[in-house]
N, C-alpha and C. Protein backbone atom coordinates (compact mmCIF):
# COMPACT_ATOMS: atom_id res chain seq x y z
N MET A 1 0.88 -1.35 0.16
CA MET A 1 -0.10 -0.12 0.06
C MET A 1 1.02 1.51 0.14
N PRO A 2 0.28 2.05 -0.42
CA PRO A 2 1.10 3.44 -1.03
C PRO A 2 1.51 3.82 0.52
N LEU A 3 2.63 4.43 1.10
CA LEU A 3 2.99 5.53 2.37
C LEU A 3 2.84 7.14 1.86
N LEU A 4 2.30 7.73 2.51
CA LEU A 4 2.23 9.15 2.33
C LEU A 4 2.86 9.79 3.22
N LYS A 5 3.88 10.87 3.31
CA LYS A 5 3.93 11.80 4.19
C LYS A 5 5.01 13.01 3.60
N ASP A 6 4.52 14.15 4.27
CA ASP A 6 5.33 15.29 3.61
C ASP A 6 4.77 15.43 2.33
N GLY A 7 3.60 15.74 1.75
CA GLY A 7 3.35 15.44 0.50
C GLY A 7 3.78 14.85 -0.68
N ALA A 8 4.65 13.69 -0.03
CA ALA A 8 4.83 13.15 -1.10
C ALA A 8 4.52 10.98 -0.70
N GLU A 9 5.08 10.31 -1.58
CA GLU A 9 5.00 9.19 -1.80
C GLU A 9 6.47 8.38 -0.93
N ILE A 10 6.66 7.25 -0.02
CA ILE A 10 7.66 7.52 0.04
C ILE A 10 7.70 6.04 0.86
N GLU A 11 8.87 5.15 0.80
CA GLU A 11 9.14 4.04 1.37
C GLU A 11 9.27 3.40 2.37
N ASN A 12 8.66 3.05 2.66
CA ASN A 12 8.26 1.97 3.88
C ASN A 12 9.63 1.27 4.43
N ILE A 13 10.28 1.43 5.48
CA ILE A 13 11.76 1.02 5.73
C ILE A 13 10.48 -0.23 7.21
N TRP A 14 9.76 0.37 7.91
CA TRP A 14 9.34 -0.62 8.55
C TRP A 14 8.97 -1.70 8.44
N LEU A 15 9.28 -3.00 9.50
CA LEU A 15 8.56 -3.76 9.78
C LEU A 15 7.91 -4.12 10.69
N PHE A 16 6.29 -4.68 10.68
CA PHE A 16 5.75 -4.99 11.59
C PHE A 16 5.66 -6.35 12.22
N LEU A 17 5.84 -6.62 13.35
CA LEU A 17 5.96 -7.88 13.81
C LEU A 17 4.76 -8.12 14.94
N ASP A 18 3.83 -9.08 14.53
CA ASP A 18 2.99 -8.88 15.28
C ASP A 18 3.17 -9.82 16.95
N GLN A 19 2.42 -10.01 17.64
CA GLN A 19 2.24 -10.42 18.93
C GLN A 19 2.88 -12.12 18.38
N ASP A 20 2.55 -12.87 17.67
CA ASP A 20 2.51 -13.92 17.82
C ASP A 20 4.02 -14.55 16.62
N SER A 21 4.63 -13.39 16.23
CA SER A 21 5.50 -13.19 15.17
C SER A 21 7.19 -14.23 15.76
N GLU A 22 7.22 -15.40 15.14
CA GLU A 22 8.15 -15.86 16.01
C GLU A 22 9.60 -15.29 14.99
N ALA A 23 9.37 -14.03 14.11
CA ALA A 23 10.71 -13.74 13.79
C ALA A 23 11.46 -12.96 14.98
N GLU A 24 12.66 -13.12 14.33
CA GLU A 24 13.84 -12.47 15.72
C GLU A 24 14.08 -11.12 15.21
N LEU A 25 14.18 -10.09 16.39
CA LEU A 25 14.51 -8.67 15.81
C LEU A 25 16.03 -8.75 15.11
N LYS A 26 16.05 -8.06 13.90
CA LYS A 26 17.03 -8.12 13.49
C LYS A 26 17.80 -6.36 14.29
N PRO A 27 18.89 -6.80 14.22
CA PRO A 27 20.05 -5.41 15.07
C PRO A 27 19.56 -4.49 14.36
N ASP A 28 19.49 -4.33 12.94
CA ASP A 28 19.42 -3.14 11.92
C ASP A 28 18.38 -3.13 11.57
N GLN A 29 17.18 -3.71 11.84
CA GLN A 29 16.03 -3.36 11.20
C GLN A 29 14.71 -2.59 11.69
N ALA A 30 14.31 -1.22 10.87
CA ALA A 30 13.26 -1.00 11.58
C ALA A 30 12.37 -1.67 12.31
N VAL A 31 11.79 -1.70 13.35
CA VAL A 31 10.43 -2.45 13.91
C VAL A 31 9.31 -1.83 14.38
N THR A 32 7.94 -2.44 14.13
CA THR A 32 7.06 -1.77 14.89
C THR A 32 6.34 -2.82 15.66
N LEU A 33 5.98 -3.03 17.00
CA LEU A 33 5.36 -3.73 17.48
C LEU A 33 4.17 -3.19 18.07
N PRO A 34 3.27 -4.67 18.57
CA PRO A 34 2.08 -4.18 19.04
C PRO A 34 2.32 -3.98 20.40
N LEU A 35 1.25 -3.26 21.06
CA LEU A 35 1.52 -2.54 22.14
C LEU A 35 1.88 -3.39 23.69
N ALA A 36 1.36 -4.65 23.63
CA ALA A 36 1.66 -5.59 24.71
C ALA A 36 2.77 -5.83 24.05
N ARG A 37 3.38 -6.85 23.08
CA ARG A 37 4.58 -6.85 22.99
C ARG A 37 5.79 -6.03 23.20
N PHE A 38 5.37 -4.28 22.93
CA PHE A 38 6.26 -3.48 23.40
C PHE A 38 6.76 -3.57 24.67
N LEU A 39 5.57 -3.29 25.32
CA LEU A 39 5.69 -3.44 26.79
C LEU A 39 6.36 -3.84 27.31
N GLU A 40 6.47 -5.44 27.11
CA GLU A 40 7.11 -6.77 27.56
C GLU A 40 8.72 -6.49 27.24
N GLN A 41 8.93 -5.87 26.05
CA GLN A 41 10.43 -5.88 25.81
C GLN A 41 11.26 -4.36 25.63
N ALA A 42 10.38 -3.39 26.16
CA ALA A 42 10.43 -1.81 26.33
C ALA A 42 11.96 -1.97 27.05
N GLU A 43 12.50 -2.38 27.83
CA GLU A 43 13.73 -2.91 28.60
C GLU A 43 14.67 -3.06 27.18
N SER A 44 14.56 -3.51 26.86
CA SER A 44 15.32 -4.51 25.85
C SER A 44 15.58 -3.48 24.26
N LEU A 45 14.50 -3.01 24.21
CA LEU A 45 14.21 -2.20 23.06
C LEU A 45 14.63 -0.88 23.06
N ALA A 46 15.04 -0.59 24.30
CA ALA A 46 15.51 1.06 24.31
C ALA A 46 16.83 1.02 24.11
N GLY A 47 17.81 -0.07 24.13
CA GLY A 47 19.01 -0.28 23.92
C GLY A 47 19.10 -0.13 22.19
N ARG A 48 18.31 -0.76 21.53
CA ARG A 48 18.45 -1.06 20.42
C ARG A 48 18.96 -0.21 19.55
N ASN A 49 19.87 -0.25 18.49
CA ASN A 49 20.54 0.95 17.94
C ASN A 49 19.83 1.12 16.07
N ALA A 50 18.37 0.91 16.28
CA ALA A 50 18.04 1.02 15.28
C ALA A 50 16.11 1.40 15.42
N PRO A 51 15.21 1.79 14.63
CA PRO A 51 13.97 2.77 15.25
C PRO A 51 13.67 1.61 15.53
N VAL A 52 12.40 1.86 16.77
CA VAL A 52 11.58 1.28 17.12
C VAL A 52 10.06 2.30 17.35
N GLY A 53 9.11 1.40 16.70
CA GLY A 53 7.50 1.60 16.77
C GLY A 53 6.88 1.01 17.28
N VAL A 54 5.71 1.29 17.97
CA VAL A 54 4.32 0.65 18.01
C VAL A 54 3.23 0.65 17.51
N ARG A 55 3.04 -0.25 17.63
CA ARG A 55 1.00 -0.04 16.36
C ARG A 55 0.16 -0.70 17.66
N LEU A 56 -1.06 0.84 17.82
CA LEU A 56 -2.00 0.94 18.50
C LEU A 56 -3.31 0.28 17.54
N VAL A 57 -3.86 -0.62 18.37
CA VAL A 57 -5.13 -1.08 17.98
C VAL A 57 -6.32 -0.12 18.46
N PRO A 58 -7.64 -0.05 18.15
CA PRO A 58 -8.50 0.85 18.69
C PRO A 58 -8.55 0.59 20.63
N GLU A 59 -8.53 -0.74 20.97
CA GLU A 59 -8.99 -1.10 22.53
C GLU A 59 -7.53 -0.56 22.69
N ASP A 60 -6.44 -0.02 22.40
CA ASP A 60 -5.48 0.17 23.35
C ASP A 60 -5.04 0.97 23.85
N ASP A 61 -4.57 1.90 25.12
CA ASP A 61 -4.56 3.00 25.57
C ASP A 61 -3.52 3.80 25.32
N PRO A 62 -3.13 4.68 24.52
CA PRO A 62 -2.11 5.24 24.35
C PRO A 62 -1.31 6.18 25.34
N THR A 63 -2.37 5.92 26.77
CA THR A 63 -1.25 6.65 27.84
C THR A 63 -0.05 5.73 28.52
N LEU A 64 -0.35 4.55 28.13
CA LEU A 64 0.86 3.45 28.29
C LEU A 64 2.14 3.89 27.59
N LEU A 65 2.06 4.44 26.80
CA LEU A 65 3.26 5.17 25.80
C LEU A 65 4.08 6.22 26.30
N GLU A 66 3.36 6.27 27.76
CA GLU A 66 3.86 7.87 27.95
C GLU A 66 5.34 7.65 28.01
N PRO A 67 5.97 6.74 29.28
CA PRO A 67 6.96 6.79 29.69
C PRO A 67 8.20 6.92 28.53
N PHE A 68 7.82 6.07 27.35
CA PHE A 68 8.87 5.39 26.03
C PHE A 68 8.92 6.68 25.26
N LEU A 69 7.99 8.05 24.76
CA LEU A 69 7.47 8.77 23.87
C LEU A 69 8.61 9.36 23.25
N GLU A 70 9.66 9.62 24.52
CA GLU A 70 10.85 10.30 24.23
C GLU A 70 11.71 9.61 22.82
N TRP A 71 11.90 8.54 23.27
CA TRP A 71 12.40 7.74 22.25
C TRP A 71 11.94 6.47 20.75
N ILE A 72 10.69 6.70 21.16
CA ILE A 72 9.94 6.23 19.83
C ILE A 72 9.48 6.68 18.74
N GLN A 73 10.15 6.15 17.83
CA GLN A 73 10.52 7.02 16.73
C GLN A 73 9.05 7.29 15.79
N LEU A 74 8.43 5.81 16.12
CA LEU A 74 6.81 5.50 15.43
C LEU A 74 5.80 5.27 16.04
N VAL A 75 4.77 5.80 16.09
CA VAL A 75 3.38 5.52 16.46
C VAL A 75 2.19 5.14 15.28
N GLU A 76 2.06 3.67 15.35
CA GLU A 76 1.18 3.44 14.29
C GLU A 76 -0.12 3.25 15.24
N VAL A 77 -1.11 3.77 14.32
CA VAL A 77 -2.28 3.79 14.66
C VAL A 77 -3.30 2.96 13.80
N SER A 78 -3.97 1.84 14.27
CA SER A 78 -4.40 0.83 12.92
C SER A 78 -6.50 1.44 12.99
N PHE A 79 -6.57 1.20 11.93
CA PHE A 79 -8.12 1.56 11.47
C PHE A 79 -8.36 0.63 10.77
N PRO A 80 -9.10 -0.23 11.70
CA PRO A 80 -9.78 -1.95 11.30
C PRO A 80 -10.57 -1.72 10.19
N LYS A 81 -11.56 -0.91 10.79
CA LYS A 81 -12.91 -0.36 9.87
C LYS A 81 -13.13 1.25 9.02
N TYR A 82 -13.82 1.64 8.58
CA TYR A 82 -13.51 2.87 8.45
C TYR A 82 -14.59 3.60 9.56
N THR A 83 -15.53 2.82 9.62
CA THR A 83 -16.52 3.36 11.25
C THR A 83 -16.05 3.63 12.07
N ASP A 84 -14.55 3.03 12.68
CA ASP A 84 -13.85 2.76 13.68
C ASP A 84 -13.46 4.60 13.99
N GLY A 85 -13.77 5.61 14.92
CA GLY A 85 -13.11 6.27 15.15
C GLY A 85 -12.29 6.80 16.31
N ARG A 86 -11.79 5.64 16.89
CA ARG A 86 -10.91 5.39 18.56
C ARG A 86 -9.64 5.70 18.10
N GLY A 87 -9.24 5.63 16.74
CA GLY A 87 -8.08 6.11 16.19
C GLY A 87 -7.76 7.65 16.52
N TYR A 88 -8.52 8.08 16.35
CA TYR A 88 -8.48 10.15 16.12
C TYR A 88 -8.31 10.26 17.66
N SER A 89 -9.26 9.62 18.67
CA SER A 89 -8.80 10.25 20.00
C SER A 89 -7.58 9.87 20.45
N GLN A 90 -6.82 8.51 19.99
CA GLN A 90 -5.33 8.47 20.16
C GLN A 90 -4.48 9.23 19.84
N ALA A 91 -4.94 9.96 18.90
CA ALA A 91 -4.09 10.48 18.15
C ALA A 91 -4.11 11.84 18.68
N GLN A 92 -4.88 12.31 19.16
CA GLN A 92 -4.93 13.39 19.74
C GLN A 92 -4.35 13.13 21.31
N LEU A 93 -4.69 12.36 21.98
CA LEU A 93 -4.04 12.23 23.00
C LEU A 93 -2.57 12.27 23.20
N LEU A 94 -2.34 11.62 22.31
CA LEU A 94 -0.63 11.42 22.24
C LEU A 94 0.35 12.78 21.24
N ARG A 95 -0.19 13.87 20.87
CA ARG A 95 -0.15 14.95 20.32
C ARG A 95 -0.05 16.13 21.52
N ARG A 96 -1.59 15.95 21.27
CA ARG A 96 -2.13 17.18 22.56
C ARG A 96 -2.14 16.81 23.97
N ARG A 97 -2.15 15.95 24.53
CA ARG A 97 -1.97 16.13 26.17
C ARG A 97 0.02 14.88 26.41
N HIS A 98 0.17 14.29 25.29
CA HIS A 98 1.48 13.75 26.03
C HIS A 98 2.47 14.82 24.92
N GLY A 99 2.13 15.15 24.40
CA GLY A 99 3.20 15.91 23.26
C GLY A 99 4.47 15.07 22.39
N TYR A 100 3.77 13.64 21.96
CA TYR A 100 4.35 12.94 21.23
C TYR A 100 5.01 13.71 19.60
N GLN A 101 6.16 14.08 19.56
CA GLN A 101 6.74 14.32 18.24
C GLN A 101 7.68 13.50 16.97
N GLY A 102 7.35 12.46 17.46
CA GLY A 102 7.79 11.16 16.76
C GLY A 102 6.48 11.51 15.08
N GLU A 103 7.20 10.47 14.38
CA GLU A 103 6.09 10.45 13.32
C GLU A 103 4.54 9.44 13.72
N LEU A 104 3.36 9.73 13.29
CA LEU A 104 2.27 9.27 13.32
C LEU A 104 1.36 8.75 12.43
N ARG A 105 1.26 7.63 12.47
CA ARG A 105 0.81 7.05 10.97
C ARG A 105 -0.27 6.49 11.20
N ALA A 106 -1.28 6.61 10.50
CA ALA A 106 -2.74 6.04 10.03
C ALA A 106 -2.18 4.78 9.31
N VAL A 107 -2.85 3.67 9.89
CA VAL A 107 -2.73 2.29 9.15
C VAL A 107 -4.01 1.15 8.62
N GLY A 108 -4.10 0.76 7.69
CA GLY A 108 -5.38 -0.15 7.89
C GLY A 108 -6.27 0.54 6.84
N HIS A 109 -7.94 0.87 7.50
CA HIS A 109 -8.59 0.63 6.40
C HIS A 109 -8.79 2.41 6.39
N VAL A 110 -7.92 3.15 5.31
CA VAL A 110 -7.59 4.90 5.55
C VAL A 110 -7.88 5.19 4.56
N LEU A 111 -9.11 5.52 4.26
CA LEU A 111 -9.47 6.40 3.29
C LEU A 111 -9.58 7.80 2.45
N ARG A 112 -9.16 7.99 1.77
CA ARG A 112 -9.61 9.78 1.03
C ARG A 112 -9.78 10.72 2.01
N ASP A 113 -11.05 10.09 2.04
CA ASP A 113 -12.49 11.58 3.01
C ASP A 113 -11.91 11.87 4.28
N GLN A 114 -11.10 10.43 5.11
CA GLN A 114 -10.25 10.19 6.37
C GLN A 114 -9.52 11.38 6.26
N ILE A 115 -8.66 11.36 5.59
CA ILE A 115 -7.07 11.96 5.50
C ILE A 115 -7.28 13.45 6.05
N PHE A 116 -8.03 14.51 5.68
CA PHE A 116 -8.12 15.90 6.32
C PHE A 116 -8.26 15.84 7.81
N TYR A 117 -8.92 14.71 8.24
CA TYR A 117 -9.83 14.53 9.76
C TYR A 117 -8.50 14.06 10.73
N MET A 118 -7.90 12.58 9.89
CA MET A 118 -6.60 12.56 10.27
C MET A 118 -5.46 13.67 10.51
N ASN A 119 -5.44 13.93 9.66
CA ASN A 119 -4.16 15.60 10.11
C ASN A 119 -4.35 16.42 10.86
N ARG A 120 -5.50 16.50 11.06
CA ARG A 120 -6.05 17.32 12.24
C ARG A 120 -6.22 16.94 13.60
N SER A 121 -6.22 16.03 13.74
CA SER A 121 -5.75 14.52 14.89
C SER A 121 -4.60 14.63 15.42
N GLY A 122 -3.50 14.93 14.38
CA GLY A 122 -2.24 14.81 14.57
C GLY A 122 -1.51 13.78 13.88
N PHE A 123 -2.03 13.18 12.93
CA PHE A 123 -1.10 12.14 12.09
C PHE A 123 -0.57 13.25 10.91
N ASP A 124 0.73 12.56 10.65
CA ASP A 124 1.53 13.21 9.97
C ASP A 124 2.26 11.67 8.52
N ALA A 125 1.45 11.00 8.50
CA ALA A 125 1.83 9.90 7.46
C ALA A 125 0.59 8.68 7.38
N TYR A 126 0.05 8.52 5.99
CA TYR A 126 -0.91 7.61 5.93
C TYR A 126 -0.85 6.61 5.10
N GLU A 127 -1.14 5.26 5.79
CA GLU A 127 -0.76 3.89 4.67
C GLU A 127 -2.43 3.94 4.23
N THR A 128 -2.45 4.40 2.91
CA THR A 128 -3.40 4.50 2.24
C THR A 128 -3.70 3.45 1.09
N ALA A 129 -5.01 2.53 0.94
CA ALA A 129 -5.16 2.10 -0.40
C ALA A 129 -4.91 2.20 -1.76
N ARG A 130 -5.35 3.91 -1.95
CA ARG A 130 -5.76 4.47 -2.92
C ARG A 130 -4.43 4.74 -3.62
N ALA A 131 -3.93 4.35 -4.85
CA ALA A 131 -3.01 5.07 -5.48
C ALA A 131 -2.79 6.32 -6.01
N ASP A 132 -3.88 7.00 -5.80
CA ASP A 132 -4.06 8.13 -6.61
C ASP A 132 -3.45 9.18 -5.99
N LEU A 133 -2.03 9.46 -5.78
CA LEU A 133 -2.06 10.32 -4.87
C LEU A 133 -2.07 11.74 -5.09
N PRO A 134 -2.20 12.40 -6.00
CA PRO A 134 -2.87 13.59 -5.97
C PRO A 134 -4.29 14.11 -5.35
N SER A 135 -5.32 12.67 -5.37
CA SER A 135 -6.53 13.04 -4.92
C SER A 135 -6.20 12.83 -3.48
N VAL A 136 -5.05 11.78 -2.86
CA VAL A 136 -5.43 11.77 -1.37
C VAL A 136 -4.27 13.46 -0.95
N LEU A 137 -3.32 13.74 -1.66
CA LEU A 137 -2.95 15.05 -1.23
C LEU A 137 -3.67 16.54 -1.22
N GLU A 138 -4.93 16.17 -2.03
CA GLU A 138 -6.05 17.21 -1.94
C GLU A 138 -6.73 16.97 -1.08
N ALA A 139 -7.12 15.97 -0.48
CA ALA A 139 -7.42 16.13 0.79
C ALA A 139 -7.35 16.64 2.18
N LEU A 140 -6.19 17.03 2.22
CA LEU A 140 -5.25 17.76 3.19
C LEU A 140 -5.90 19.42 3.27
N ASN A 141 -6.16 19.61 1.82
CA ASN A 141 -6.56 21.25 2.04
C ASN A 141 -7.75 21.33 1.44
N GLU A 142 -8.71 20.01 1.65
CA GLU A 142 -10.05 20.42 1.53
C GLU A 142 -10.66 21.61 1.82
N PHE A 143 -10.69 21.77 3.32
CA PHE A 143 -11.32 22.93 3.98
C PHE A 143 -10.32 24.19 4.51
N ARG A 144 -10.82 25.69 3.91
CA ARG A 144 -9.83 26.50 4.08
C ARG A 144 -10.10 26.66 6.03
N ASP A 145 -11.23 26.71 6.35
CA ASP A 145 -10.68 26.89 7.53
C ASP A 145 -11.89 26.16 8.48
N THR A 146 -11.67 26.02 10.06
CA THR A 146 -12.08 24.89 10.70
C THR A 146 -12.83 25.62 12.14
N TYR A 147 -13.78 24.77 12.61
CA TYR A 147 -14.21 25.82 13.80
C TYR A 147 -14.19 24.83 15.57
N GLN A 148 -13.24 23.98 15.23
CA GLN A 148 -12.79 23.60 16.79
C GLN A 148 -11.01 23.70 16.71
N PRO A 149 -10.73 23.54 17.71
CA PRO A 149 -9.08 23.75 17.49
C PRO A 149 -8.40 22.21 17.45
N ALA A 150 -7.71 22.03 17.42
CA ALA A 150 -7.15 20.20 17.48
C ALA A 150 -5.66 20.22 17.23
N ALA A 151 -5.22 19.35 16.89
CA ALA A 151 -3.63 18.97 17.39
C ALA A 151 -2.50 19.37 15.75
N ASP A 152 -3.78 19.50 14.98
CA ASP A 152 -2.43 20.39 13.52
C ASP A 152 -2.17 21.89 13.59
N GLY A 153 -2.45 22.47 14.75
CA GLY A 153 -2.27 23.93 15.30
C GLY A 153 -3.06 25.01 13.95
N ARG A 154 -4.12 24.58 13.23
CA ARG A 154 -4.81 25.43 12.55
C ARG A 154 -5.11 26.56 13.40
N VAL A 155 -5.93 28.14 13.09
CA VAL A 155 -6.54 28.94 13.74
C VAL A 155 -7.64 28.74 13.46
N SER A 156 -8.83 28.37 14.75
CA SER A 156 -9.72 27.98 14.02
C SER A 156 -10.68 29.68 13.89
N VAL A 157 -11.71 29.51 13.30
CA VAL A 157 -12.63 30.46 13.28
C VAL A 157 -12.78 32.04 14.03
N PHE A 158 -13.27 31.08 15.29
CA PHE A 158 -13.42 32.28 16.90
C PHE A 158 -12.06 32.36 17.61
N HIS A 159 -11.25 31.90 16.86
CA HIS A 159 -10.03 32.57 17.40
C HIS A 159 -9.28 33.48 16.61
N ALA A 160 -9.88 33.05 15.36
CA ALA A 160 -9.11 34.49 14.06
C ALA A 160 -10.00 35.33 14.67
N ARG A 161 -11.61 35.17 14.86
CA ARG A 161 -12.46 36.57 14.68
C ARG A 161 -11.71 37.32 16.03
N HIS A 162 -11.69 36.64 16.85
CA HIS A 162 -11.62 37.13 18.31
C HIS A 162 -10.18 37.76 18.93
N GLY A 163 -9.11 37.33 18.04
CA GLY A 163 -7.36 37.49 18.42
C GLY A 163 -7.30 36.70 19.02
N SER A 164 -7.60 35.42 20.11
CA SER A 164 -7.37 35.04 21.14
C SER A 164 -6.70 33.50 20.65
């Protein structure tokens, strides 16, 4: 699936190892792990020379990552169905409450119509099934004005009018 970041399609260097994967962690491989596996191995992962990431599913509590956010390079948030919006809340919590500065990637059932809202929630990378790059990137600028503050830092209409 195409991976979009900073307005372009990029190569995905990350390998996802699920909870039951028997594959060994190669010392130079960038890996993402499910939250439970990450928490079990956090101490040994902290000393790795290769990038480490975590994949959250909708049931996961992102606050469990708070002690590790300084050294985690990637948090993937899984959207198993387009109707499941818990990933937006996870992104908001990571960016706004916990100050996560690393890459926040939406994976799974990511549709073009969701990209703008994902970006507002704090996502900066998107693994999407749609290969029409110009159309997907167009979604990021579909709306000029916003009414609510969000993690993307845009000034809301209210704050622009009242200078606060």
